[in-house]
Amino acid sequence: MSESEFLRLTIETVVKLNREEEYWVVYDLDQFGGDSKVCGIRSLDSESPKYGRISLSNYQFWQIVGKRR
């Protein structure tokens, strides 16, 4: 995704890593507070919950897939 797409992410946006098939959903837009620009994500189809982050240092490795209803 581009930097402008990253900055416009919203809760419930579905993303995935480039060249991977695991899907994640954005659940937090400011993980550390204070306008940190770090989004919290969690895996969609995992038997045990997995969590991650998208930030200004790694957004280019992710792509937006859609929106969860």
PDB file of N, CA and C in Angstrom:
ATOM      1  N   MET A   1       0.838  -1.167   0.000  1.00  0.00           N
ATOM      2  CA  MET A   1       0.000   0.000   0.000  1.00  0.00           C
ATOM      3  C   MET A   1       0.883   1.230   0.000  1.00  0.00           C
ATOM      4  N   SER A   2       0.312   2.314  -0.415  1.00  0.00           N
ATOM      5  CA  SER A   2       1.049   3.577  -0.433  1.00  0.00           C
ATOM      6  C   SER A   2       0.950   4.264   0.931  1.00  0.00           C
ATOM      7  N   GLU A   3       1.761   5.281   1.138  1.00  0.00           N
ATOM      8  CA  GLU A   3       1.718   6.017   2.402  1.00  0.00           C
ATOM      9  C   GLU A   3       0.358   6.681   2.592  1.00  0.00           C
ATOM     10  N   SER A   4      -0.204   7.218   1.543  1.00  0.00           N
ATOM     11  CA  SER A   4      -1.521   7.871   1.679  1.00  0.00           C
ATOM     12  C   SER A   4      -2.607   6.855   2.027  1.00  0.00           C
ATOM     13  N   GLU A   5      -2.534   5.638   1.486  1.00  0.00           N
ATOM     14  CA  GLU A   5      -3.487   4.593   1.857  1.00  0.00           C
ATOM     15  C   GLU A   5      -3.313   4.216   3.329  1.00  0.00           C
ATOM     16  N   PHE A   6      -2.071   4.099   3.761  1.00  0.00           N
ATOM     17  CA  PHE A   6      -1.801   3.781   5.159  1.00  0.00           C
ATOM     18  C   PHE A   6      -2.391   4.840   6.080  1.00  0.00           C
ATOM     19  N   LEU A   7      -2.195   6.089   5.748  1.00  0.00           N
ATOM     20  CA  LEU A   7      -2.691   7.177   6.591  1.00  0.00           C
ATOM     21  C   LEU A   7      -4.211   7.265   6.607  1.00  0.00           C
ATOM     22  N   ARG A   8      -4.873   6.636   5.635  1.00  0.00           N
ATOM     23  CA  ARG A   8      -6.336   6.639   5.584  1.00  0.00           C
ATOM     24  C   ARG A   8      -6.962   5.322   6.049  1.00  0.00           C
ATOM     25  N   LEU A   9      -6.176   4.411   6.611  1.00  0.00           N
ATOM     26  CA  LEU A   9      -6.727   3.147   7.100  1.00  0.00           C
ATOM     27  C   LEU A   9      -7.826   3.405   8.119  1.00  0.00           C
ATOM     28  N   THR A  10      -8.820   2.524   8.137  1.00  0.00           N
ATOM     29  CA  THR A  10      -9.902   2.616   9.104  1.00  0.00           C
ATOM     30  C   THR A  10     -10.071   1.270   9.801  1.00  0.00           C
ATOM     31  N   ILE A  11     -10.751   1.296  10.933  1.00  0.00           N
ATOM     32  CA  ILE A  11     -11.066   0.073  11.659  1.00  0.00           C
ATOM     33  C   ILE A  11     -11.856  -0.851  10.734  1.00  0.00           C
ATOM     34  N   GLU A  12     -11.596  -2.152  10.828  1.00  0.00           N
ATOM     35  CA  GLU A  12     -12.263  -3.193  10.037  1.00  0.00           C
ATOM     36  C   GLU A  12     -11.762  -3.295   8.592  1.00  0.00           C
ATOM     37  N   THR A  13     -10.679  -2.588   8.246  1.00  0.00           N
ATOM     38  CA  THR A  13     -10.061  -2.767   6.932  1.00  0.00           C
ATOM     39  C   THR A  13      -9.294  -4.083   6.937  1.00  0.00           C
ATOM     40  N   VAL A  14      -9.453  -4.872   5.891  1.00  0.00           N
ATOM     41  CA  VAL A  14      -8.762  -6.160   5.777  1.00  0.00           C
ATOM     42  C   VAL A  14      -7.509  -5.960   4.925  1.00  0.00           C
ATOM     43  N   VAL A  15      -6.388  -6.472   5.424  1.00  0.00           N
ATOM     44  CA  VAL A  15      -5.100  -6.333   4.745  1.00  0.00           C
ATOM     45  C   VAL A  15      -4.408  -7.691   4.697  1.00  0.00           C
ATOM     46  N   LYS A  16      -3.394  -7.784   3.855  1.00  0.00           N
ATOM     47  CA  LYS A  16      -2.539  -8.971   3.832  1.00  0.00           C
ATOM     48  C   LYS A  16      -1.154  -8.555   3.406  1.00  0.00           C
ATOM     49  N   LEU A  17      -0.181  -9.348   3.813  1.00  0.00           N
ATOM     50  CA  LEU A  17       1.196  -9.116   3.375  1.00  0.00           C
ATOM     51  C   LEU A  17       1.305  -9.441   1.894  1.00  0.00           C
ATOM     52  N   ASN A  18       2.111  -8.694   1.189  1.00  0.00           N
ATOM     53  CA  ASN A  18       2.354  -9.009  -0.220  1.00  0.00           C
ATOM     54  C   ASN A  18       2.846 -10.447  -0.332  1.00  0.00           C
ATOM     55  N   ARG A  19       2.320 -11.186  -1.287  1.00  0.00           N
ATOM     56  CA  ARG A  19       2.706 -12.570  -1.588  1.00  0.00           C
ATOM     57  C   ARG A  19       2.358 -13.567  -0.490  1.00  0.00           C
ATOM     58  N   GLU A  20       1.505 -13.212   0.440  1.00  0.00           N
ATOM     59  CA  GLU A  20       1.042 -14.134   1.477  1.00  0.00           C
ATOM     60  C   GLU A  20      -0.462 -14.286   1.351  1.00  0.00           C
ATOM     61  N   GLU A  21      -1.011 -15.334   1.922  1.00  0.00           N
ATOM     62  CA  GLU A  21      -2.451 -15.570   1.837  1.00  0.00           C
ATOM     63  C   GLU A  21      -3.171 -15.433   3.173  1.00  0.00           C
ATOM     64  N   GLU A  22      -2.478 -15.002   4.207  1.00  0.00           N
ATOM     65  CA  GLU A  22      -3.113 -14.814   5.505  1.00  0.00           C
ATOM     66  C   GLU A  22      -3.698 -13.405   5.576  1.00  0.00           C
ATOM     67  N   TYR A  23      -4.936 -13.316   6.031  1.00  0.00           N
ATOM     68  CA  TYR A  23      -5.637 -12.037   6.083  1.00  0.00           C
ATOM     69  C   TYR A  23      -5.694 -11.515   7.512  1.00  0.00           C
ATOM     70  N   TRP A  24      -5.597 -10.203   7.630  1.00  0.00           N
ATOM     71  CA  TRP A  24      -5.578  -9.507   8.911  1.00  0.00           C
ATOM     72  C   TRP A  24      -6.614  -8.391   8.872  1.00  0.00           C
ATOM     73  N   VAL A  25      -7.099  -7.986  10.039  1.00  0.00           N
ATOM     74  CA  VAL A  25      -8.055  -6.892  10.112  1.00  0.00           C
ATOM     75  C   VAL A  25      -7.508  -5.820  11.065  1.00  0.00           C
ATOM     76  N   VAL A  26      -7.667  -4.569  10.680  1.00  0.00           N
ATOM     77  CA  VAL A  26      -7.232  -3.447  11.509  1.00  0.00           C
ATOM     78  C   VAL A  26      -8.233  -3.296  12.657  1.00  0.00           C
ATOM     79  N   TYR A  27      -7.732  -3.288  13.891  1.00  0.00           N
ATOM     80  CA  TYR A  27      -8.616  -3.116  15.046  1.00  0.00           C
ATOM     81  C   TYR A  27      -8.266  -1.890  15.887  1.00  0.00           C
ATOM     82  N   ASP A  28      -7.118  -1.258  15.647  1.00  0.00           N
ATOM     83  CA  ASP A  28      -6.697  -0.089  16.418  1.00  0.00           C
ATOM     84  C   ASP A  28      -5.881   0.817  15.500  1.00  0.00           C
ATOM     85  N   LEU A  29      -6.218   2.098  15.478  1.00  0.00           N
ATOM     86  CA  LEU A  29      -5.533   3.021  14.572  1.00  0.00           C
ATOM     87  C   LEU A  29      -4.363   3.755  15.218  1.00  0.00           C
ATOM     88  N   ASP A  30      -4.270   3.739  16.526  1.00  0.00           N
ATOM     89  CA  ASP A  30      -3.203   4.472  17.223  1.00  0.00           C
ATOM     90  C   ASP A  30      -2.731   3.645  18.412  1.00  0.00           C
ATOM     91  N   GLN A  31      -1.981   2.600  18.130  1.00  0.00           N
ATOM     92  CA  GLN A  31      -1.585   1.591  19.102  1.00  0.00           C
ATOM     93  C   GLN A  31      -0.893   2.170  20.344  1.00  0.00           C
ATOM     94  N   PHE A  32      -0.101   3.209  20.186  1.00  0.00           N
ATOM     95  CA  PHE A  32       0.682   3.732  21.308  1.00  0.00           C
ATOM     96  C   PHE A  32       0.215   5.102  21.782  1.00  0.00           C
ATOM     97  N   GLY A  33      -0.839   5.642  21.190  1.00  0.00           N
ATOM     98  CA  GLY A  33      -1.330   6.959  21.581  1.00  0.00           C
ATOM     99  C   GLY A  33      -0.410   8.077  21.107  1.00  0.00           C
ATOM    100  N   GLY A  34      -0.849   9.283  21.298  1.00  0.00           N
ATOM    101  CA  GLY A  34      -0.020  10.426  20.924  1.00  0.00           C
ATOM    102  C   GLY A  34       0.239  10.528  19.441  1.00  0.00           C
ATOM    103  N   ASP A  35      -0.721  10.094  18.625  1.00  0.00           N
ATOM    104  CA  ASP A  35      -0.575  10.137  17.169  1.00  0.00           C
ATOM    105  C   ASP A  35       0.637   9.330  16.701  1.00  0.00           C
ATOM    106  N   SER A  36       0.746   8.100  17.207  1.00  0.00           N
ATOM    107  CA  SER A  36       1.911   7.251  16.926  1.00  0.00           C
ATOM    108  C   SER A  36       1.967   6.720  15.497  1.00  0.00           C
ATOM    109  N   LYS A  37       0.850   6.730  14.783  1.00  0.00           N
ATOM    110  CA  LYS A  37       0.783   6.202  13.412  1.00  0.00           C
ATOM    111  C   LYS A  37       1.181   4.729  13.351  1.00  0.00           C
ATOM    112  N   VAL A  38       0.774   3.970  14.375  1.00  0.00           N
ATOM    113  CA  VAL A  38       0.998   2.524  14.407  1.00  0.00           C
ATOM    114  C   VAL A  38      -0.366   1.862  14.558  1.00  0.00           C
ATOM    115  N   CYS A  39      -0.765   1.099  13.551  1.00  0.00           N
ATOM    116  CA  CYS A  39      -2.073   0.439  13.556  1.00  0.00           C
ATOM    117  C   CYS A  39      -1.937  -0.979  14.081  1.00  0.00           C
ATOM    118  N   GLY A  40      -2.846  -1.375  14.955  1.00  0.00           N
ATOM    119  CA  GLY A  40      -2.885  -2.744  15.458  1.00  0.00           C
ATOM    120  C   GLY A  40      -3.721  -3.600  14.524  1.00  0.00           C
ATOM    121  N   ILE A  41      -3.233  -4.809  14.235  1.00  0.00           N
ATOM    122  CA  ILE A  41      -3.961  -5.748  13.370  1.00  0.00           C
ATOM    123  C   ILE A  41      -4.037  -7.104  14.062  1.00  0.00           C
ATOM    124  N   ARG A  42      -5.052  -7.889  13.719  1.00  0.00           N
ATOM    125  CA  ARG A  42      -5.159  -9.257  14.234  1.00  0.00           C
ATOM    126  C   ARG A  42      -5.548 -10.180  13.086  1.00  0.00           C
ATOM    127  N   SER A  43      -5.105 -11.412  13.168  1.00  0.00           N
ATOM    128  CA  SER A  43      -5.381 -12.375  12.104  1.00  0.00           C
ATOM    129  C   SER A  43      -6.866 -12.701  12.077  1.00  0.00           C
ATOM    130  N   LEU A  44      -7.380 -12.968  10.888  1.00  0.00           N
ATOM    131  CA  LEU A  44      -8.803 -13.268  10.734  1.00  0.00           C
ATOM    132  C   LEU A  44      -9.114 -14.738  10.940  1.00  0.00           C
ATOM    133  N   ASP A  45      -8.364 -15.609  10.330  1.00  0.00           N
ATOM    134  CA  ASP A  45      -8.698 -17.039  10.329  1.00  0.00           C
ATOM    135  C   ASP A  45      -7.622 -17.876  10.990  1.00  0.00           C
ATOM    136  N   SER A  46      -7.389 -17.604  12.249  1.00  0.00           N
ATOM    137  CA  SER A  46      -6.370 -18.348  12.971  1.00  0.00           C
ATOM    138  C   SER A  46      -7.009 -19.007  14.193  1.00  0.00           C
ATOM    139  N   GLU A  47      -6.608 -20.218  14.492  1.00  0.00           N
ATOM    140  CA  GLU A  47      -7.163 -20.911  15.646  1.00  0.00           C
ATOM    141  C   GLU A  47      -6.730 -20.265  16.952  1.00  0.00           C
ATOM    142  N   SER A  48      -5.530 -19.734  16.992  1.00  0.00           N
ATOM    143  CA  SER A  48      -5.092 -18.965  18.153  1.00  0.00           C
ATOM    144  C   SER A  48      -4.832 -17.535  17.678  1.00  0.00           C
ATOM    145  N   PRO A  49      -5.286 -16.544  18.429  1.00  0.00           N
ATOM    146  CA  PRO A  49      -5.161 -15.153  17.972  1.00  0.00           C
ATOM    147  C   PRO A  49      -3.701 -14.752  17.732  1.00  0.00           C
ATOM    148  N   LYS A  50      -3.480 -14.079  16.631  1.00  0.00           N
ATOM    149  CA  LYS A  50      -2.167 -13.523  16.322  1.00  0.00           C
ATOM    150  C   LYS A  50      -2.355 -12.030  16.101  1.00  0.00           C
ATOM    151  N   TYR A  51      -1.401 -11.256  16.562  1.00  0.00           N
ATOM    152  CA  TYR A  51      -1.481  -9.804  16.466  1.00  0.00           C
ATOM    153  C   TYR A  51      -0.235  -9.255  15.798  1.00  0.00           C
ATOM    154  N   GLY A  52      -0.377  -8.100  15.191  1.00  0.00           N
ATOM    155  CA  GLY A  52       0.748  -7.448  14.540  1.00  0.00           C
ATOM    156  C   GLY A  52       0.528  -5.954  14.472  1.00  0.00           C
ATOM    157  N   ARG A  53       1.419  -5.280  13.786  1.00  0.00           N
ATOM    158  CA  ARG A  53       1.331  -3.828  13.652  1.00  0.00           C
ATOM    159  C   ARG A  53       1.721  -3.412  12.241  1.00  0.00           C
ATOM    160  N   ILE A  54       1.071  -2.365  11.786  1.00  0.00           N
ATOM    161  CA  ILE A  54       1.471  -1.711  10.543  1.00  0.00           C
ATOM    162  C   ILE A  54       1.860  -0.286  10.923  1.00  0.00           C
ATOM    163  N   SER A  55       3.024   0.137  10.450  1.00  0.00           N
ATOM    164  CA  SER A  55       3.528   1.465  10.810  1.00  0.00           C
ATOM    165  C   SER A  55       4.145   2.139   9.585  1.00  0.00           C
ATOM    166  N   LEU A  56       4.652   3.340   9.802  1.00  0.00           N
ATOM    167  CA  LEU A  56       5.313   4.062   8.712  1.00  0.00           C
ATOM    168  C   LEU A  56       6.561   3.339   8.218  1.00  0.00           C
ATOM    169  N   SER A  57       7.087   2.410   9.007  1.00  0.00           N
ATOM    170  CA  SER A  57       8.301   1.705   8.577  1.00  0.00           C
ATOM    171  C   SER A  57       8.013   0.401   7.833  1.00  0.00           C
ATOM    172  N   ASN A  58       6.734  -0.058   7.789  1.00  0.00           N
ATOM    173  CA  ASN A  58       6.481  -1.320   7.090  1.00  0.00           C
ATOM    174  C   ASN A  58       5.208  -1.339   6.233  1.00  0.00           C
ATOM    175  N   TYR A  59       4.519  -0.233   6.085  1.00  0.00           N
ATOM    176  CA  TYR A  59       3.259  -0.219   5.328  1.00  0.00           C
ATOM    177  C   TYR A  59       3.429  -0.700   3.896  1.00  0.00           C
ATOM    178  N   GLN A  60       4.591  -0.490   3.304  1.00  0.00           N
ATOM    179  CA  GLN A  60       4.807  -0.845   1.899  1.00  0.00           C
ATOM    180  C   GLN A  60       4.767  -2.351   1.655  1.00  0.00           C
ATOM    181  N   PHE A  61       4.838  -3.161   2.709  1.00  0.00           N
ATOM    182  CA  PHE A  61       4.793  -4.619   2.570  1.00  0.00           C
ATOM    183  C   PHE A  61       3.366  -5.162   2.627  1.00  0.00           C
ATOM    184  N   TRP A  62       2.406  -4.305   2.867  1.00  0.00           N
ATOM    185  CA  TRP A  62       1.007  -4.691   3.043  1.00  0.00           C
ATOM    186  C   TRP A  62       0.161  -4.187   1.887  1.00  0.00           C
ATOM    187  N   GLN A  63      -0.947  -4.869   1.654  1.00  0.00           N
ATOM    188  CA  GLN A  63      -1.901  -4.389   0.664  1.00  0.00           C
ATOM    189  C   GLN A  63      -3.315  -4.474   1.246  1.00  0.00           C
ATOM    190  N   ILE A  64      -4.139  -3.527   0.865  1.00  0.00           N
ATOM    191  CA  ILE A  64      -5.524  -3.506   1.315  1.00  0.00           C
ATOM    192  C   ILE A  64      -6.325  -4.470   0.454  1.00  0.00           C
ATOM    193  N   VAL A  65      -7.108  -5.324   1.112  1.00  0.00           N
ATOM    194  CA  VAL A  65      -7.892  -6.336   0.405  1.00  0.00           C
ATOM    195  C   VAL A  65      -9.366  -5.932   0.351  1.00  0.00           C
ATOM    196  N   GLY A  66      -9.851  -5.312   1.400  1.00  0.00           N
ATOM    197  CA  GLY A  66     -11.251  -4.922   1.434  1.00  0.00           C
ATOM    198  C   GLY A  66     -11.655  -4.424   2.790  1.00  0.00           C
ATOM    199  N   LYS A  67     -12.941  -4.493   3.052  1.00  0.00           N
ATOM    200  CA  LYS A  67     -13.501  -4.012   4.313  1.00  0.00           C
ATOM    201  C   LYS A  67     -14.339  -5.123   4.914  1.00  0.00           C
ATOM    202  N   ARG A  68     -14.178  -5.356   6.203  1.00  0.00           N
ATOM    203  CA  ARG A  68     -14.963  -6.360   6.901  1.00  0.00           C
ATOM    204  C   ARG A  68     -16.312  -5.757   7.259  1.00  0.00           C
ATOM    205  N   ARG A  69     -17.361  -6.538   7.125  1.00  0.00           N
ATOM    206  CA  ARG A  69     -18.713  -6.006   7.395  1.00  0.00           C
ATOM    207  C   ARG A  69     -19.129  -6.233   8.808  1.00  0.00           C
TER     208      ARG A  69
END
